[in-house]
Amino acid sequence: MKWMNRMLEGAGYAMDVACRSVGYMFRRPRLAMTARLAYDYGLKSLPVVLVVAFFSGMILSLQIGIQLAANGQEELLGIVVAQTFAREFGPFMTCIILVGTAVSAFAAEIGTMKVSEEIDALEVMSIDPVGYVAAPRILALTAMTFFLTLCADAVGMLGGGIVAVTQLGLPWQVYMDRALTTLEGREWFGLPKDLYAGLLKAGITGFVIASIGCAQGLRAQGGALGVGRSVRRAVISSIVLILVISYVLTWFAYRAFAS
């Protein structure tokens, strides 16, 4: 039962870090630091997100398009690719990439500060480490997740369209008309429901995985090996929670946005 106790303790600590970080975001936001972190861990991740989204769109379009063409329904390809990326592929793929580029870095950086007693020095100076090092990182990653997901959606649809035109012989105008039509006329709070569901999923997931990375770093102990263990736990926990959150929010989205 020790592993269960450790898991529950870690989950409780991560929730505590997340809640306290939200308070600091509203009371004392470190906007300059947040902007720099958004650039370092968000904007610099954009090329990776675009490449993965482009080829994911091509693979999705080719695999599904072949089956649709066999049944004479290739005109539906734009609908399938647009809805799949808007609701599922865009946020899921973006968050998985951010686990490797940002969450692991958060755990490593903060963990190094912890084992080198920099975190203890902040506490001696009456500076809350959560507000000083965790809150800006969580806010930056959460905000950039929205932007990166939008970019992934657009580029994924583009990659799917290129395959539809070059490999399946589907006219570009037909593909884009179907893709855009399935997203139009389904607004909720001014945004298409499918796109809104994906962005909501991306924002919540980004907040959760950023909180996990920071919490694991703050709990690091035992020198360099301890930092490595914290990074491993942060990555594993984040990937598992991405899958869980993706399912739960997809279930909720299909019920809430069914009409």
C-alpha atoms as a PDB file:
ATOM      1  CA  MET A   1       0.000   0.000   0.000  1.00  0.00           C
ATOM      2  CA  LYS A   2       3.016   2.296   0.117  1.00  0.00           C
ATOM      3  CA  TRP A   3       2.739   3.068  -3.591  1.00  0.00           C
ATOM      4  CA  MET A   4      -0.914   4.016  -3.115  1.00  0.00           C
ATOM      5  CA  ASN A   5      -0.031   6.363  -0.273  1.00  0.00           C
ATOM      6  CA  ARG A   6       2.724   7.955  -2.350  1.00  0.00           C
ATOM      7  CA  MET A   7       0.381   8.370  -5.294  1.00  0.00           C
ATOM      8  CA  LEU A   8      -2.341  10.002  -3.197  1.00  0.00           C
ATOM      9  CA  GLU A   9       0.188  12.220  -1.468  1.00  0.00           C
ATOM     10  CA  GLY A  10       1.608  13.340  -4.812  1.00  0.00           C
ATOM     11  CA  ALA A  11      -1.858  13.998  -6.229  1.00  0.00           C
ATOM     12  CA  GLY A  12      -2.822  16.047  -3.197  1.00  0.00           C
ATOM     13  CA  TYR A  13       0.374  18.079  -3.370  1.00  0.00           C
ATOM     14  CA  ALA A  14      -0.133  18.750  -7.098  1.00  0.00           C
ATOM     15  CA  MET A  15      -3.692  19.957  -6.419  1.00  0.00           C
ATOM     16  CA  ASP A  16      -2.379  22.215  -3.668  1.00  0.00           C
ATOM     17  CA  VAL A  17       0.235  23.706  -6.013  1.00  0.00           C
ATOM     18  CA  ALA A  18      -2.384  24.226  -8.721  1.00  0.00           C
ATOM     19  CA  CYS A  19      -4.860  25.973  -6.402  1.00  0.00           C
ATOM     20  CA  ARG A  20      -2.238  28.199  -4.824  1.00  0.00           C
ATOM     21  CA  SER A  21      -0.867  29.094  -8.260  1.00  0.00           C
ATOM     22  CA  VAL A  22      -4.305  30.264  -9.389  1.00  0.00           C
ATOM     23  CA  GLY A  23      -4.415  32.595  -6.402  1.00  0.00           C
ATOM     24  CA  TYR A  24      -1.031  34.090  -7.294  1.00  0.00           C
ATOM     25  CA  MET A  25      -2.082  34.510 -10.941  1.00  0.00           C
ATOM     26  CA  PHE A  26      -4.837  36.884  -9.855  1.00  0.00           C
ATOM     27  CA  ARG A  27      -3.174  38.544  -6.866  1.00  0.00           C
ATOM     28  CA  ARG A  28       0.438  38.942  -7.913  1.00  0.00           C
ATOM     29  CA  PRO A  29       0.985  37.827 -11.507  1.00  0.00           C
ATOM     30  CA  ARG A  30       4.593  37.936 -12.728  1.00  0.00           C
ATOM     31  CA  LEU A  31       3.722  38.993 -16.264  1.00  0.00           C
ATOM     32  CA  ALA A  32       7.261  39.586 -17.524  1.00  0.00           C
ATOM     33  CA  MET A  33       8.393  36.155 -16.363  1.00  0.00           C
ATOM     34  CA  THR A  34       5.215  34.569 -17.732  1.00  0.00           C
ATOM     35  CA  ALA A  35       5.780  36.139 -21.155  1.00  0.00           C
ATOM     36  CA  ARG A  36       9.376  34.894 -21.281  1.00  0.00           C
ATOM     37  CA  LEU A  37       8.330  31.387 -20.286  1.00  0.00           C
ATOM     38  CA  ALA A  38       5.523  31.426 -22.865  1.00  0.00           C
ATOM     39  CA  TYR A  39       8.105  32.209 -25.519  1.00  0.00           C
ATOM     40  CA  ASP A  40      10.661  29.662 -24.304  1.00  0.00           C
ATOM     41  CA  TYR A  41       8.287  26.741 -23.794  1.00  0.00           C
ATOM     42  CA  GLY A  42       5.340  27.663 -25.998  1.00  0.00           C
ATOM     43  CA  LEU A  43       6.431  29.538 -29.082  1.00  0.00           C
ATOM     44  CA  LYS A  44       9.658  27.570 -29.423  1.00  0.00           C
ATOM     45  CA  SER A  45       7.586  24.379 -29.444  1.00  0.00           C
ATOM     46  CA  LEU A  46       5.554  25.629 -32.408  1.00  0.00           C
ATOM     47  CA  PRO A  47       7.771  24.115 -35.160  1.00  0.00           C
ATOM     48  CA  VAL A  48       7.504  20.654 -33.593  1.00  0.00           C
ATOM     49  CA  VAL A  49       3.740  20.986 -33.196  1.00  0.00           C
ATOM     50  CA  LEU A  50       3.315  22.104 -36.822  1.00  0.00           C
ATOM     51  CA  VAL A  51       5.422  19.278 -38.259  1.00  0.00           C
ATOM     52  CA  VAL A  52       3.644  16.618 -36.208  1.00  0.00           C
ATOM     53  CA  ALA A  53       0.206  18.103 -36.977  1.00  0.00           C
ATOM     54  CA  PHE A  54       0.939  18.316 -40.710  1.00  0.00           C
ATOM     55  CA  PHE A  55       1.975  14.682 -41.061  1.00  0.00           C
ATOM     56  CA  SER A  56      -0.753  13.507 -38.672  1.00  0.00           C
ATOM     57  CA  GLY A  57      -3.294  15.204 -40.921  1.00  0.00           C
ATOM     58  CA  MET A  58      -1.778  13.512 -43.957  1.00  0.00           C
ATOM     59  CA  ILE A  59      -1.811  10.076 -42.295  1.00  0.00           C
ATOM     60  CA  LEU A  60      -5.385  10.500 -41.034  1.00  0.00           C
ATOM     61  CA  SER A  61      -6.587  11.692 -44.422  1.00  0.00           C
ATOM     62  CA  LEU A  62      -4.884   8.851 -46.288  1.00  0.00           C
ATOM     63  CA  GLN A  63      -6.058   6.067 -43.980  1.00  0.00           C
ATOM     64  CA  ILE A  64      -9.658   7.238 -43.731  1.00  0.00           C
ATOM     65  CA  GLY A  65      -9.809   8.522 -47.285  1.00  0.00           C
ATOM     66  CA  ILE A  66      -8.955   5.122 -48.748  1.00  0.00           C
ATOM     67  CA  GLN A  67     -11.860   3.540 -46.875  1.00  0.00           C
ATOM     68  CA  LEU A  68     -14.257   6.323 -47.793  1.00  0.00           C
ATOM     69  CA  ALA A  69     -13.220   6.190 -51.457  1.00  0.00           C
ATOM     70  CA  ALA A  70     -13.835   2.438 -51.519  1.00  0.00           C
ATOM     71  CA  ASN A  71     -17.462   3.185 -50.637  1.00  0.00           C
ATOM     72  CA  GLY A  72     -17.789   6.236 -52.890  1.00  0.00           C
ATOM     73  CA  GLN A  73     -17.939   8.676 -49.955  1.00  0.00           C
ATOM     74  CA  GLU A  74     -14.614  10.489 -50.280  1.00  0.00           C
ATOM     75  CA  GLU A  75     -16.433  13.847 -50.157  1.00  0.00           C
ATOM     76  CA  LEU A  76     -16.953  13.238 -46.424  1.00  0.00           C
ATOM     77  CA  LEU A  77     -13.203  13.328 -45.815  1.00  0.00           C
ATOM     78  CA  GLY A  78     -13.135  17.050 -45.015  1.00  0.00           C
ATOM     79  CA  ILE A  79     -15.795  16.572 -42.345  1.00  0.00           C
ATOM     80  CA  VAL A  80     -13.940  13.698 -40.699  1.00  0.00           C
ATOM     81  CA  VAL A  81     -10.535  15.433 -40.652  1.00  0.00           C
ATOM     82  CA  ALA A  82     -11.919  18.781 -39.434  1.00  0.00           C
ATOM     83  CA  GLN A  83     -13.937  17.315 -36.571  1.00  0.00           C
ATOM     84  CA  THR A  84     -11.213  14.863 -35.570  1.00  0.00           C
ATOM     85  CA  PHE A  85      -8.575  17.576 -35.304  1.00  0.00           C
ATOM     86  CA  ALA A  86     -10.856  20.155 -33.699  1.00  0.00           C
ATOM     87  CA  ARG A  87     -12.110  17.813 -30.984  1.00  0.00           C
ATOM     88  CA  GLU A  88      -9.383  15.225 -30.487  1.00  0.00           C
ATOM     89  CA  PHE A  89      -6.133  15.242 -32.444  1.00  0.00           C
ATOM     90  CA  GLY A  90      -5.312  18.931 -32.011  1.00  0.00           C
ATOM     91  CA  PRO A  91      -5.440  19.170 -28.203  1.00  0.00           C
ATOM     92  CA  PHE A  92      -4.229  15.602 -27.581  1.00  0.00           C
ATOM     93  CA  MET A  93      -1.198  15.855 -29.840  1.00  0.00           C
ATOM     94  CA  THR A  94      -0.284  19.333 -28.620  1.00  0.00           C
ATOM     95  CA  CYS A  95      -0.356  18.310 -24.965  1.00  0.00           C
ATOM     96  CA  ILE A  96       1.680  15.164 -25.602  1.00  0.00           C
ATOM     97  CA  ILE A  97       4.369  17.278 -27.283  1.00  0.00           C
ATOM     98  CA  LEU A  98       4.326  19.786 -24.429  1.00  0.00           C
ATOM     99  CA  VAL A  99       4.956  16.989 -21.940  1.00  0.00           C
ATOM    100  CA  GLY A 100       8.302  16.373 -23.626  1.00  0.00           C
ATOM    101  CA  THR A 101       9.243  19.987 -24.305  1.00  0.00           C
ATOM    102  CA  ALA A 102       7.858  21.846 -21.281  1.00  0.00           C
ATOM    103  CA  VAL A 103       6.601  19.656 -18.440  1.00  0.00           C
ATOM    104  CA  SER A 104       9.824  17.642 -18.226  1.00  0.00           C
ATOM    105  CA  ALA A 105      11.807  20.896 -18.278  1.00  0.00           C
ATOM    106  CA  PHE A 106       9.676  22.351 -15.473  1.00  0.00           C
ATOM    107  CA  ALA A 107      10.308  19.306 -13.300  1.00  0.00           C
ATOM    108  CA  ALA A 108      14.034  19.338 -14.059  1.00  0.00           C
ATOM    109  CA  GLU A 109      14.534  23.067 -13.496  1.00  0.00           C
ATOM    110  CA  ILE A 110      12.536  23.298 -10.287  1.00  0.00           C
ATOM    111  CA  GLY A 111      13.911  19.974  -9.080  1.00  0.00           C
ATOM    112  CA  THR A 112      17.456  21.261  -9.545  1.00  0.00           C
ATOM    113  CA  MET A 113      16.542  24.381  -7.591  1.00  0.00           C
ATOM    114  CA  LYS A 114      15.108  22.171  -4.861  1.00  0.00           C
ATOM    115  CA  VAL A 115      18.107  19.859  -4.418  1.00  0.00           C
ATOM    116  CA  SER A 116      20.550  22.794  -4.614  1.00  0.00           C
ATOM    117  CA  GLU A 117      18.594  24.483  -1.779  1.00  0.00           C
ATOM    118  CA  GLU A 118      17.506  27.486  -3.873  1.00  0.00           C
ATOM    119  CA  ILE A 119      13.892  26.739  -2.973  1.00  0.00           C
ATOM    120  CA  ASP A 120      14.859  26.691   0.705  1.00  0.00           C
ATOM    121  CA  ALA A 121      16.557  30.075   0.230  1.00  0.00           C
ATOM    122  CA  LEU A 122      13.338  31.524  -1.168  1.00  0.00           C
ATOM    123  CA  GLU A 123      11.428  30.275   1.856  1.00  0.00           C
ATOM    124  CA  VAL A 124      14.026  31.805   4.189  1.00  0.00           C
ATOM    125  CA  MET A 125      13.396  35.144   2.453  1.00  0.00           C
ATOM    126  CA  SER A 126       9.626  34.657   3.008  1.00  0.00           C
ATOM    127  CA  ILE A 127       9.016  34.135  -0.721  1.00  0.00           C
ATOM    128  CA  ASP A 128       6.526  31.394  -1.543  1.00  0.00           C
ATOM    129  CA  PRO A 129       8.179  29.099  -4.133  1.00  0.00           C
ATOM    130  CA  VAL A 130       4.774  28.260  -5.600  1.00  0.00           C
ATOM    131  CA  GLY A 131       4.060  31.868  -6.454  1.00  0.00           C
ATOM    132  CA  TYR A 132       7.626  32.611  -7.535  1.00  0.00           C
ATOM    133  CA  VAL A 133       8.510  29.627  -9.728  1.00  0.00           C
ATOM    134  CA  ALA A 134       5.345  27.551 -10.288  1.00  0.00           C
ATOM    135  CA  ALA A 135       2.561  30.071 -10.985  1.00  0.00           C
ATOM    136  CA  PRO A 136       4.291  31.796 -13.968  1.00  0.00           C
ATOM    137  CA  ARG A 137       5.070  28.441 -15.576  1.00  0.00           C
ATOM    138  CA  ILE A 138       1.547  27.113 -15.138  1.00  0.00           C
ATOM    139  CA  LEU A 139      -0.012  30.297 -16.526  1.00  0.00           C
ATOM    140  CA  ALA A 140       2.398  30.431 -19.478  1.00  0.00           C
ATOM    141  CA  LEU A 141       1.849  26.817 -20.511  1.00  0.00           C
ATOM    142  CA  THR A 142      -1.928  27.031 -20.105  1.00  0.00           C
ATOM    143  CA  ALA A 143      -2.128  30.139 -22.303  1.00  0.00           C
ATOM    144  CA  MET A 144       0.185  28.761 -24.988  1.00  0.00           C
ATOM    145  CA  THR A 145      -1.735  25.489 -25.156  1.00  0.00           C
ATOM    146  CA  PHE A 146      -4.689  27.354 -26.673  1.00  0.00           C
ATOM    147  CA  PHE A 147      -2.494  28.986 -29.319  1.00  0.00           C
ATOM    148  CA  LEU A 148      -0.618  25.817 -30.213  1.00  0.00           C
ATOM    149  CA  THR A 149      -3.837  23.825 -30.473  1.00  0.00           C
ATOM    150  CA  LEU A 150      -5.323  26.326 -32.919  1.00  0.00           C
ATOM    151  CA  CYS A 151      -2.189  26.120 -35.040  1.00  0.00           C
ATOM    152  CA  ALA A 152      -2.255  22.315 -34.914  1.00  0.00           C
ATOM    153  CA  ASP A 153      -5.890  22.254 -36.035  1.00  0.00           C
ATOM    154  CA  ALA A 154      -5.218  24.511 -39.019  1.00  0.00           C
ATOM    155  CA  VAL A 155      -2.058  22.729 -40.159  1.00  0.00           C
ATOM    156  CA  GLY A 156      -3.594  19.294 -39.652  1.00  0.00           C
ATOM    157  CA  MET A 157      -6.508  20.218 -41.906  1.00  0.00           C
ATOM    158  CA  LEU A 158      -4.026  21.552 -44.468  1.00  0.00           C
ATOM    159  CA  GLY A 159      -2.046  18.309 -44.460  1.00  0.00           C
ATOM    160  CA  GLY A 160      -5.242  16.315 -44.830  1.00  0.00           C
ATOM    161  CA  GLY A 161      -6.323  18.484 -47.737  1.00  0.00           C
ATOM    162  CA  ILE A 162      -3.043  17.988 -49.584  1.00  0.00           C
ATOM    163  CA  VAL A 163      -3.432  14.211 -49.404  1.00  0.00           C
ATOM    164  CA  ALA A 164      -7.097  14.447 -50.411  1.00  0.00           C
ATOM    165  CA  VAL A 165      -6.168  16.388 -53.544  1.00  0.00           C
ATOM    166  CA  THR A 166      -2.957  14.610 -54.567  1.00  0.00           C
ATOM    167  CA  GLN A 167      -3.695  11.017 -53.560  1.00  0.00           C
ATOM    168  CA  LEU A 168      -7.474  10.688 -53.629  1.00  0.00           C
ATOM    169  CA  GLY A 169      -8.373  13.101 -56.425  1.00  0.00           C
ATOM    170  CA  LEU A 170     -10.780  15.108 -54.284  1.00  0.00           C
ATOM    171  CA  PRO A 171     -11.111  18.760 -55.419  1.00  0.00           C
ATOM    172  CA  TRP A 172      -9.612  21.221 -52.927  1.00  0.00           C
ATOM    173  CA  GLN A 173     -12.771  23.334 -52.893  1.00  0.00           C
ATOM    174  CA  VAL A 174     -14.931  20.330 -52.025  1.00  0.00           C
ATOM    175  CA  TYR A 175     -12.610  19.297 -49.205  1.00  0.00           C
ATOM    176  CA  MET A 176     -12.452  22.776 -47.668  1.00  0.00           C
ATOM    177  CA  ASP A 177     -16.175  23.429 -48.094  1.00  0.00           C
ATOM    178  CA  ARG A 178     -17.028  20.242 -46.215  1.00  0.00           C
ATOM    179  CA  ALA A 179     -14.393  20.921 -43.541  1.00  0.00           C
ATOM    180  CA  LEU A 180     -15.546  24.487 -42.880  1.00  0.00           C
ATOM    181  CA  THR A 181     -19.255  23.719 -43.187  1.00  0.00           C
ATOM    182  CA  THR A 182     -19.090  21.088 -40.455  1.00  0.00           C
ATOM    183  CA  LEU A 183     -17.610  23.697 -38.083  1.00  0.00           C
ATOM    184  CA  GLU A 184     -19.942  26.545 -39.060  1.00  0.00           C
ATOM    185  CA  GLY A 185     -23.445  27.059 -37.747  1.00  0.00           C
ATOM    186  CA  ARG A 186     -22.682  25.219 -34.510  1.00  0.00           C
ATOM    187  CA  GLU A 187     -21.579  28.165 -32.398  1.00  0.00           C
ATOM    188  CA  TRP A 188     -21.377  28.158 -28.630  1.00  0.00           C
ATOM    189  CA  PHE A 189     -20.198  31.353 -26.954  1.00  0.00           C
ATOM    190  CA  GLY A 190     -19.168  32.687 -30.368  1.00  0.00           C
ATOM    191  CA  LEU A 191     -17.008  29.712 -31.348  1.00  0.00           C
ATOM    192  CA  PRO A 192     -17.865  26.538 -33.281  1.00  0.00           C
ATOM    193  CA  LYS A 193     -18.809  23.838 -30.813  1.00  0.00           C
ATOM    194  CA  ASP A 194     -16.222  21.368 -32.089  1.00  0.00           C
ATOM    195  CA  LEU A 195     -13.432  23.940 -31.878  1.00  0.00           C
ATOM    196  CA  TYR A 196     -14.617  25.146 -28.473  1.00  0.00           C
ATOM    197  CA  ALA A 197     -14.617  21.578 -27.131  1.00  0.00           C
ATOM    198  CA  GLY A 198     -11.040  21.049 -28.311  1.00  0.00           C
ATOM    199  CA  LEU A 199      -9.772  24.347 -26.902  1.00  0.00           C
ATOM    200  CA  LEU A 200     -11.478  23.702 -23.573  1.00  0.00           C
ATOM    201  CA  LYS A 201      -9.843  20.285 -23.426  1.00  0.00           C
ATOM    202  CA  ALA A 202      -6.451  21.764 -24.347  1.00  0.00           C
ATOM    203  CA  GLY A 203      -6.628  24.506 -21.705  1.00  0.00           C
ATOM    204  CA  ILE A 204      -7.661  22.194 -18.873  1.00  0.00           C
ATOM    205  CA  THR A 205      -5.089  19.574 -19.832  1.00  0.00           C
ATOM    206  CA  GLY A 206      -2.336  22.174 -20.184  1.00  0.00           C
ATOM    207  CA  PHE A 207      -3.088  23.525 -16.723  1.00  0.00           C
ATOM    208  CA  VAL A 208      -3.041  20.045 -15.195  1.00  0.00           C
ATOM    209  CA  ILE A 209       0.206  18.850 -16.769  1.00  0.00           C
ATOM    210  CA  ALA A 210       1.994  22.123 -15.980  1.00  0.00           C
ATOM    211  CA  SER A 211       0.902  21.798 -12.347  1.00  0.00           C
ATOM    212  CA  ILE A 212       2.210  18.225 -12.243  1.00  0.00           C
ATOM    213  CA  GLY A 213       5.585  19.226 -13.642  1.00  0.00           C
ATOM    214  CA  CYS A 214       6.008  22.039 -11.116  1.00  0.00           C
ATOM    215  CA  ALA A 215       4.766  19.923  -8.194  1.00  0.00           C
ATOM    216  CA  GLN A 216       7.128  17.069  -8.994  1.00  0.00           C
ATOM    217  CA  GLY A 217      10.025  19.503  -9.187  1.00  0.00           C
ATOM    218  CA  LEU A 218       9.158  21.005  -5.821  1.00  0.00           C
ATOM    219  CA  ARG A 219       9.083  17.516  -4.253  1.00  0.00           C
ATOM    220  CA  ALA A 220      12.476  16.461  -5.663  1.00  0.00           C
ATOM    221  CA  GLN A 221      15.068  15.214  -3.212  1.00  0.00           C
ATOM    222  CA  GLY A 222      18.234  13.141  -3.285  1.00  0.00           C
ATOM    223  CA  GLY A 223      20.500  15.064  -5.666  1.00  0.00           C
ATOM    224  CA  ALA A 224      20.744  14.433  -9.411  1.00  0.00           C
ATOM    225  CA  LEU A 225      19.097  11.006  -9.154  1.00  0.00           C
ATOM    226  CA  GLY A 226      16.168  12.582  -7.323  1.00  0.00           C
ATOM    227  CA  VAL A 227      15.742  15.148 -10.089  1.00  0.00           C
ATOM    228  CA  GLY A 228      15.704  12.353 -12.656  1.00  0.00           C
ATOM    229  CA  ARG A 229      13.035  10.497 -10.694  1.00  0.00           C
ATOM    230  CA  SER A 230      10.936  13.664 -10.489  1.00  0.00           C
ATOM    231  CA  VAL A 231      11.133  14.182 -14.235  1.00  0.00           C
ATOM    232  CA  ARG A 232      10.160  10.555 -14.874  1.00  0.00           C
ATOM    233  CA  ARG A 233       7.188  10.775 -12.521  1.00  0.00           C
ATOM    234  CA  ALA A 234       6.083  14.060 -14.080  1.00  0.00           C
ATOM    235  CA  VAL A 235       6.172  12.646 -17.613  1.00  0.00           C
ATOM    236  CA  ILE A 236       4.407   9.386 -16.734  1.00  0.00           C
ATOM    237  CA  SER A 237       1.719  11.087 -14.652  1.00  0.00           C
ATOM    238  CA  SER A 238       1.120  13.730 -17.335  1.00  0.00           C
ATOM    239  CA  ILE A 239       0.698  11.215 -20.155  1.00  0.00           C
ATOM    240  CA  VAL A 240      -1.728   9.093 -18.124  1.00  0.00           C
ATOM    241  CA  LEU A 241      -3.765  12.144 -17.122  1.00  0.00           C
ATOM    242  CA  ILE A 242      -3.866  13.417 -20.709  1.00  0.00           C
ATOM    243  CA  LEU A 243      -5.581  10.171 -21.703  1.00  0.00           C
ATOM    244  CA  VAL A 244      -7.983  10.274 -18.760  1.00  0.00           C
ATOM    245  CA  ILE A 245      -8.873  13.944 -19.217  1.00  0.00           C
ATOM    246  CA  SER A 246      -9.261  13.453 -22.967  1.00  0.00           C
ATOM    247  CA  TYR A 247     -11.823  10.711 -22.455  1.00  0.00           C
ATOM    248  CA  VAL A 248     -13.765  12.498 -19.708  1.00  0.00           C
ATOM    249  CA  LEU A 249     -13.951  15.804 -21.583  1.00  0.00           C
ATOM    250  CA  THR A 250     -14.815  14.080 -24.867  1.00  0.00           C
ATOM    251  CA  TRP A 251     -17.710  12.326 -23.136  1.00  0.00           C
ATOM    252  CA  PHE A 252     -18.816  15.640 -21.658  1.00  0.00           C
ATOM    253  CA  ALA A 253     -18.436  17.496 -24.972  1.00  0.00           C
ATOM    254  CA  TYR A 254     -20.542  15.029 -26.924  1.00  0.00           C
ATOM    255  CA  ARG A 255     -23.310  15.347 -24.352  1.00  0.00           C
ATOM    256  CA  ALA A 256     -23.131  19.108 -23.870  1.00  0.00           C
ATOM    257  CA  PHE A 257     -22.620  19.955 -27.563  1.00  0.00           C
ATOM    258  CA  ALA A 258     -24.783  17.217 -29.031  1.00  0.00           C
ATOM    259  CA  SER A 259     -27.374  19.517 -30.547  1.00  0.00           C
END
